[in-house]
Amino acid sequence: MQTEKQRLGADGERAAAAFLAGQHYEILDRNWRCPAGELDLVARAGNGQIVAVEVKTRSSQRFGSGFDAITPAKFRRLNKLLLFWARTHRLFLPEVRVDVVEVYATATGFDCNLHENVHS
């Protein structure tokens, strides 16, 4: 059984995937796990680049934005995980890219904000 927080996170990831599809992203993988961690989404951006997408779902901004939760250590881990994902799928990535989608619950659904090609 899922907690309310887990349900909000799962709903937010679905909302982020739908939002990204509208931004010409193709979702390649969801919740990919390996011993080093998890990638929320792996997608192909409109320009063909493979991207690790970190989804940060919040019920409010009372404790800061979702983007604020991406620390330099988290950014480095996402880069490493994307390289592991590519190796597992026998793909070469000439460039590693991380995007962040902030998802905020509203009375009528979710609002999403995309931050492309973030850096530490």
N, C-alpha and C. Protein backbone atom coordinates (compact mmCIF):
# COMPACT_ATOMS: atom_id res chain seq x y z
N MET A 1 0.84 -1.17 0.00
CA MET A 1 0.00 0.00 0.00
C MET A 1 0.90 1.25 0.00
N GLN A 2 0.56 2.22 -0.84
CA GLN A 2 1.33 3.45 -0.95
C GLN A 2 0.90 4.48 0.09
N THR A 3 1.89 5.24 0.55
CA THR A 3 1.57 6.37 1.42
C THR A 3 1.07 7.52 0.55
N GLU A 4 0.53 8.54 1.19
CA GLU A 4 0.06 9.71 0.44
C GLU A 4 1.21 10.38 -0.31
N LYS A 5 2.38 10.44 0.32
CA LYS A 5 3.56 11.04 -0.32
C LYS A 5 3.99 10.22 -1.54
N GLN A 6 3.99 8.89 -1.41
CA GLN A 6 4.35 8.04 -2.55
C GLN A 6 3.35 8.19 -3.69
N ARG A 7 2.07 8.28 -3.36
CA ARG A 7 1.03 8.45 -4.37
C ARG A 7 1.20 9.78 -5.09
N LEU A 8 1.50 10.85 -4.32
CA LEU A 8 1.73 12.17 -4.93
C LEU A 8 2.93 12.10 -5.88
N GLY A 9 4.01 11.44 -5.45
CA GLY A 9 5.20 11.31 -6.29
C GLY A 9 4.91 10.55 -7.58
N ALA A 10 4.19 9.44 -7.49
CA ALA A 10 3.86 8.64 -8.67
C ALA A 10 2.95 9.43 -9.62
N ASP A 11 1.96 10.13 -9.06
CA ASP A 11 1.07 10.95 -9.89
C ASP A 11 1.86 12.08 -10.55
N GLY A 12 2.79 12.67 -9.81
CA GLY A 12 3.62 13.74 -10.36
C GLY A 12 4.51 13.25 -11.50
N GLU A 13 5.05 12.04 -11.38
CA GLU A 13 5.87 11.49 -12.46
C GLU A 13 5.04 11.24 -13.71
N ARG A 14 3.81 10.76 -13.53
CA ARG A 14 2.93 10.57 -14.69
C ARG A 14 2.60 11.92 -15.33
N ALA A 15 2.34 12.93 -14.51
CA ALA A 15 2.05 14.27 -15.03
C ALA A 15 3.27 14.83 -15.77
N ALA A 16 4.46 14.61 -15.23
CA ALA A 16 5.69 15.09 -15.87
C ALA A 16 5.90 14.40 -17.22
N ALA A 17 5.67 13.09 -17.28
CA ALA A 17 5.83 12.36 -18.54
C ALA A 17 4.86 12.88 -19.59
N ALA A 18 3.61 13.13 -19.21
CA ALA A 18 2.63 13.67 -20.16
C ALA A 18 3.03 15.08 -20.60
N PHE A 19 3.50 15.89 -19.66
CA PHE A 19 3.96 17.24 -19.98
C PHE A 19 5.12 17.19 -20.96
N LEU A 20 6.09 16.32 -20.71
CA LEU A 20 7.25 16.21 -21.60
C LEU A 20 6.86 15.75 -22.99
N ALA A 21 5.89 14.86 -23.08
CA ALA A 21 5.42 14.42 -24.41
C ALA A 21 4.90 15.63 -25.19
N GLY A 22 4.25 16.54 -24.52
CA GLY A 22 3.77 17.76 -25.15
C GLY A 22 4.89 18.72 -25.54
N GLN A 23 6.08 18.50 -24.97
CA GLN A 23 7.26 19.30 -25.28
C GLN A 23 8.18 18.57 -26.28
N HIS A 24 7.64 17.56 -26.95
CA HIS A 24 8.35 16.78 -27.97
C HIS A 24 9.46 15.89 -27.42
N TYR A 25 9.29 15.42 -26.19
CA TYR A 25 10.18 14.42 -25.61
C TYR A 25 9.55 13.05 -25.82
N GLU A 26 10.39 12.05 -25.99
CA GLU A 26 9.94 10.66 -26.05
C GLU A 26 10.45 9.97 -24.79
N ILE A 27 9.55 9.44 -23.99
CA ILE A 27 9.94 8.76 -22.76
C ILE A 27 10.49 7.37 -23.13
N LEU A 28 11.73 7.11 -22.75
CA LEU A 28 12.38 5.84 -23.05
C LEU A 28 12.34 4.89 -21.87
N ASP A 29 12.36 5.41 -20.65
CA ASP A 29 12.38 4.57 -19.46
C ASP A 29 11.81 5.35 -18.28
N ARG A 30 11.18 4.62 -17.36
CA ARG A 30 10.64 5.22 -16.14
C ARG A 30 11.15 4.44 -14.94
N ASN A 31 11.53 5.16 -13.91
CA ASN A 31 11.98 4.56 -12.66
C ASN A 31 13.02 3.47 -12.87
N TRP A 32 14.03 3.78 -13.69
CA TRP A 32 15.11 2.82 -13.97
C TRP A 32 16.02 2.76 -12.75
N ARG A 33 16.28 1.53 -12.30
CA ARG A 33 17.09 1.32 -11.10
C ARG A 33 18.31 0.47 -11.39
N CYS A 34 19.36 0.77 -10.65
CA CYS A 34 20.57 -0.04 -10.64
C CYS A 34 21.13 0.09 -9.21
N PRO A 35 22.17 -0.64 -8.88
CA PRO A 35 22.71 -0.54 -7.52
C PRO A 35 23.14 0.87 -7.11
N ALA A 36 23.46 1.72 -8.07
CA ALA A 36 23.92 3.08 -7.76
C ALA A 36 22.78 4.06 -7.52
N GLY A 37 21.54 3.69 -7.87
CA GLY A 37 20.42 4.60 -7.66
C GLY A 37 19.32 4.44 -8.69
N GLU A 38 18.52 5.49 -8.84
CA GLU A 38 17.35 5.45 -9.72
C GLU A 38 17.25 6.73 -10.54
N LEU A 39 16.83 6.55 -11.78
CA LEU A 39 16.47 7.68 -12.65
C LEU A 39 14.95 7.71 -12.75
N ASP A 40 14.35 8.88 -12.50
CA ASP A 40 12.91 9.00 -12.59
C ASP A 40 12.45 8.73 -14.02
N LEU A 41 13.01 9.47 -14.96
CA LEU A 41 12.67 9.32 -16.37
C LEU A 41 13.94 9.42 -17.21
N VAL A 42 13.99 8.65 -18.27
CA VAL A 42 15.00 8.82 -19.31
C VAL A 42 14.22 9.12 -20.57
N ALA A 43 14.62 10.18 -21.27
CA ALA A 43 13.84 10.62 -22.42
C ALA A 43 14.76 11.03 -23.56
N ARG A 44 14.19 11.04 -24.75
CA ARG A 44 14.86 11.62 -25.91
C ARG A 44 14.21 12.97 -26.16
N ALA A 45 15.02 14.02 -26.06
CA ALA A 45 14.52 15.37 -26.29
C ALA A 45 14.23 15.57 -27.77
N GLY A 46 13.56 16.65 -28.09
CA GLY A 46 13.21 16.95 -29.48
C GLY A 46 14.41 17.02 -30.40
N ASN A 47 15.59 17.36 -29.86
CA ASN A 47 16.79 17.42 -30.69
C ASN A 47 17.51 16.07 -30.80
N GLY A 48 16.91 15.03 -30.23
CA GLY A 48 17.48 13.69 -30.31
C GLY A 48 18.38 13.32 -29.15
N GLN A 49 18.71 14.25 -28.30
CA GLN A 49 19.61 14.01 -27.18
C GLN A 49 18.92 13.18 -26.10
N ILE A 50 19.65 12.20 -25.55
CA ILE A 50 19.14 11.40 -24.44
C ILE A 50 19.36 12.18 -23.16
N VAL A 51 18.32 12.23 -22.32
CA VAL A 51 18.31 13.10 -21.15
C VAL A 51 17.85 12.32 -19.92
N ALA A 52 18.54 12.52 -18.79
CA ALA A 52 18.03 12.07 -17.50
C ALA A 52 17.10 13.17 -17.00
N VAL A 53 15.88 12.80 -16.64
CA VAL A 53 14.92 13.79 -16.15
C VAL A 53 14.60 13.48 -14.70
N GLU A 54 14.94 14.41 -13.84
CA GLU A 54 14.61 14.31 -12.43
C GLU A 54 13.28 15.02 -12.22
N VAL A 55 12.34 14.32 -11.61
CA VAL A 55 11.01 14.87 -11.36
C VAL A 55 10.90 15.19 -9.87
N LYS A 56 10.57 16.42 -9.56
CA LYS A 56 10.40 16.85 -8.18
C LYS A 56 8.96 17.32 -8.00
N THR A 57 8.17 16.51 -7.32
CA THR A 57 6.76 16.83 -7.10
C THR A 57 6.58 17.41 -5.71
N ARG A 58 5.85 18.49 -5.65
CA ARG A 58 5.59 19.18 -4.39
C ARG A 58 4.10 19.50 -4.29
N SER A 59 3.60 19.48 -3.06
CA SER A 59 2.21 19.91 -2.85
C SER A 59 2.16 21.43 -2.71
N SER A 60 3.31 22.05 -2.40
CA SER A 60 3.39 23.50 -2.32
C SER A 60 4.87 23.90 -2.37
N GLN A 61 5.12 25.21 -2.38
CA GLN A 61 6.50 25.70 -2.35
C GLN A 61 6.86 26.21 -0.95
N ARG A 62 6.10 25.79 0.02
CA ARG A 62 6.30 26.25 1.40
C ARG A 62 7.73 25.96 1.90
N PHE A 63 8.31 24.84 1.47
CA PHE A 63 9.66 24.48 1.92
C PHE A 63 10.67 24.60 0.80
N GLY A 64 10.39 25.44 -0.20
CA GLY A 64 11.30 25.64 -1.32
C GLY A 64 10.78 24.96 -2.57
N SER A 65 11.40 25.31 -3.68
CA SER A 65 10.96 24.74 -4.96
C SER A 65 11.56 23.36 -5.15
N GLY A 66 11.00 22.63 -6.08
CA GLY A 66 11.56 21.33 -6.44
C GLY A 66 12.97 21.46 -6.98
N PHE A 67 13.20 22.52 -7.71
CA PHE A 67 14.52 22.74 -8.31
C PHE A 67 15.58 22.95 -7.23
N ASP A 68 15.20 23.56 -6.12
CA ASP A 68 16.14 23.78 -5.02
C ASP A 68 16.68 22.47 -4.45
N ALA A 69 15.97 21.38 -4.66
CA ALA A 69 16.38 20.08 -4.11
C ALA A 69 17.51 19.42 -4.92
N ILE A 70 17.88 20.00 -6.05
CA ILE A 70 18.95 19.43 -6.88
C ILE A 70 20.29 20.01 -6.42
N THR A 71 20.96 19.27 -5.58
CA THR A 71 22.26 19.68 -5.05
C THR A 71 23.35 19.28 -6.04
N PRO A 72 24.55 19.82 -5.89
CA PRO A 72 25.66 19.38 -6.75
C PRO A 72 25.90 17.86 -6.67
N ALA A 73 25.76 17.29 -5.47
CA ALA A 73 25.94 15.83 -5.33
C ALA A 73 24.85 15.07 -6.10
N LYS A 74 23.61 15.54 -6.02
CA LYS A 74 22.50 14.90 -6.75
C LYS A 74 22.75 15.01 -8.25
N PHE A 75 23.20 16.17 -8.70
CA PHE A 75 23.49 16.37 -10.12
C PHE A 75 24.57 15.39 -10.59
N ARG A 76 25.64 15.23 -9.84
CA ARG A 76 26.70 14.30 -10.22
C ARG A 76 26.18 12.87 -10.27
N ARG A 77 25.34 12.49 -9.30
CA ARG A 77 24.77 11.15 -9.29
C ARG A 77 23.87 10.91 -10.51
N LEU A 78 23.08 11.90 -10.89
CA LEU A 78 22.21 11.76 -12.07
C LEU A 78 23.05 11.59 -13.34
N ASN A 79 24.14 12.33 -13.45
CA ASN A 79 25.03 12.17 -14.60
C ASN A 79 25.58 10.75 -14.67
N LYS A 80 26.05 10.26 -13.53
CA LYS A 80 26.62 8.91 -13.46
C LYS A 80 25.56 7.86 -13.80
N LEU A 81 24.37 8.03 -13.26
CA LEU A 81 23.29 7.08 -13.53
C LEU A 81 22.91 7.05 -15.01
N LEU A 82 22.91 8.22 -15.66
CA LEU A 82 22.58 8.24 -17.09
C LEU A 82 23.64 7.48 -17.89
N LEU A 83 24.89 7.62 -17.50
CA LEU A 83 25.95 6.86 -18.18
C LEU A 83 25.79 5.36 -17.95
N PHE A 84 25.41 4.95 -16.73
CA PHE A 84 25.13 3.54 -16.46
C PHE A 84 23.96 3.06 -17.31
N TRP A 85 22.91 3.88 -17.39
CA TRP A 85 21.73 3.52 -18.20
C TRP A 85 22.15 3.31 -19.66
N ALA A 86 22.95 4.22 -20.18
CA ALA A 86 23.39 4.12 -21.58
C ALA A 86 24.22 2.86 -21.80
N ARG A 87 25.12 2.58 -20.87
CA ARG A 87 25.95 1.37 -21.00
C ARG A 87 25.07 0.12 -20.99
N THR A 88 24.08 0.09 -20.10
CA THR A 88 23.16 -1.05 -20.03
C THR A 88 22.40 -1.23 -21.33
N HIS A 89 22.09 -0.14 -22.00
CA HIS A 89 21.34 -0.19 -23.26
C HIS A 89 22.25 -0.15 -24.49
N ARG A 90 23.55 -0.28 -24.25
CA ARG A 90 24.56 -0.33 -25.32
C ARG A 90 24.49 0.90 -26.23
N LEU A 91 24.39 2.06 -25.58
CA LEU A 91 24.33 3.32 -26.31
C LEU A 91 25.53 4.18 -25.93
N PHE A 92 26.01 4.93 -26.88
CA PHE A 92 27.06 5.91 -26.61
C PHE A 92 26.39 7.28 -26.51
N LEU A 93 26.70 8.00 -25.44
CA LEU A 93 26.17 9.35 -25.27
C LEU A 93 27.32 10.33 -25.43
N PRO A 94 27.33 11.11 -26.51
CA PRO A 94 28.41 12.07 -26.68
C PRO A 94 28.37 13.19 -25.65
N GLU A 95 27.21 13.39 -25.05
CA GLU A 95 27.04 14.43 -24.04
C GLU A 95 26.02 13.95 -23.01
N VAL A 96 26.27 14.27 -21.75
CA VAL A 96 25.34 13.90 -20.69
C VAL A 96 24.52 15.14 -20.35
N ARG A 97 23.21 14.94 -20.28
CA ARG A 97 22.32 16.08 -20.02
C ARG A 97 21.31 15.70 -18.95
N VAL A 98 21.06 16.64 -18.05
CA VAL A 98 20.07 16.46 -17.00
C VAL A 98 19.04 17.58 -17.11
N ASP A 99 17.77 17.22 -17.14
CA ASP A 99 16.67 18.17 -17.08
C ASP A 99 15.92 17.92 -15.77
N VAL A 100 15.28 18.94 -15.27
CA VAL A 100 14.48 18.82 -14.06
C VAL A 100 13.07 19.32 -14.37
N VAL A 101 12.08 18.53 -13.95
CA VAL A 101 10.69 18.97 -14.05
C VAL A 101 10.16 19.14 -12.64
N GLU A 102 9.77 20.37 -12.33
CA GLU A 102 9.09 20.65 -11.07
C GLU A 102 7.61 20.42 -11.32
N VAL A 103 6.98 19.67 -10.44
CA VAL A 103 5.55 19.39 -10.56
C VAL A 103 4.87 19.85 -9.27
N TYR A 104 3.85 20.68 -9.43
CA TYR A 104 3.12 21.21 -8.28
C TYR A 104 1.66 20.81 -8.38
N ALA A 105 1.17 20.20 -7.31
CA ALA A 105 -0.23 19.80 -7.26
C ALA A 105 -1.10 21.04 -7.17
N THR A 106 -2.18 21.06 -7.94
CA THR A 106 -3.16 22.14 -7.90
C THR A 106 -4.53 21.54 -7.66
N ALA A 107 -5.51 22.39 -7.50
CA ALA A 107 -6.88 21.90 -7.29
C ALA A 107 -7.40 21.15 -8.51
N THR A 108 -6.86 21.45 -9.68
CA THR A 108 -7.36 20.83 -10.91
C THR A 108 -6.40 19.84 -11.54
N GLY A 109 -5.27 19.56 -10.89
CA GLY A 109 -4.30 18.63 -11.46
C GLY A 109 -2.89 18.99 -11.06
N PHE A 110 -2.05 19.23 -12.06
CA PHE A 110 -0.64 19.53 -11.80
C PHE A 110 -0.15 20.62 -12.74
N ASP A 111 0.73 21.46 -12.22
CA ASP A 111 1.46 22.43 -13.04
C ASP A 111 2.90 21.95 -13.12
N CYS A 112 3.49 22.01 -14.31
CA CYS A 112 4.85 21.55 -14.52
C CYS A 112 5.73 22.67 -15.04
N ASN A 113 6.95 22.73 -14.52
CA ASN A 113 7.97 23.67 -14.98
C ASN A 113 9.19 22.88 -15.39
N LEU A 114 9.67 23.11 -16.60
CA LEU A 114 10.82 22.38 -17.13
C LEU A 114 12.07 23.25 -17.05
N HIS A 115 13.13 22.67 -16.50
CA HIS A 115 14.46 23.29 -16.49
C HIS A 115 15.35 22.39 -17.34
N GLU A 116 15.75 22.88 -18.50
CA GLU A 116 16.54 22.07 -19.43
C GLU A 116 18.03 22.25 -19.18
N ASN A 117 18.76 21.15 -19.37
CA ASN A 117 20.21 21.15 -19.37
C ASN A 117 20.78 21.87 -18.14
N VAL A 118 20.36 21.40 -16.96
CA VAL A 118 20.84 22.02 -15.73
C VAL A 118 22.28 21.63 -15.46
N HIS A 119 22.96 22.45 -14.71
CA HIS A 119 24.35 22.20 -14.34
C HIS A 119 24.48 22.35 -12.83
N SER A 120 25.52 21.76 -12.29
CA SER A 120 25.72 21.85 -10.83
C SER A 120 26.17 23.23 -10.42
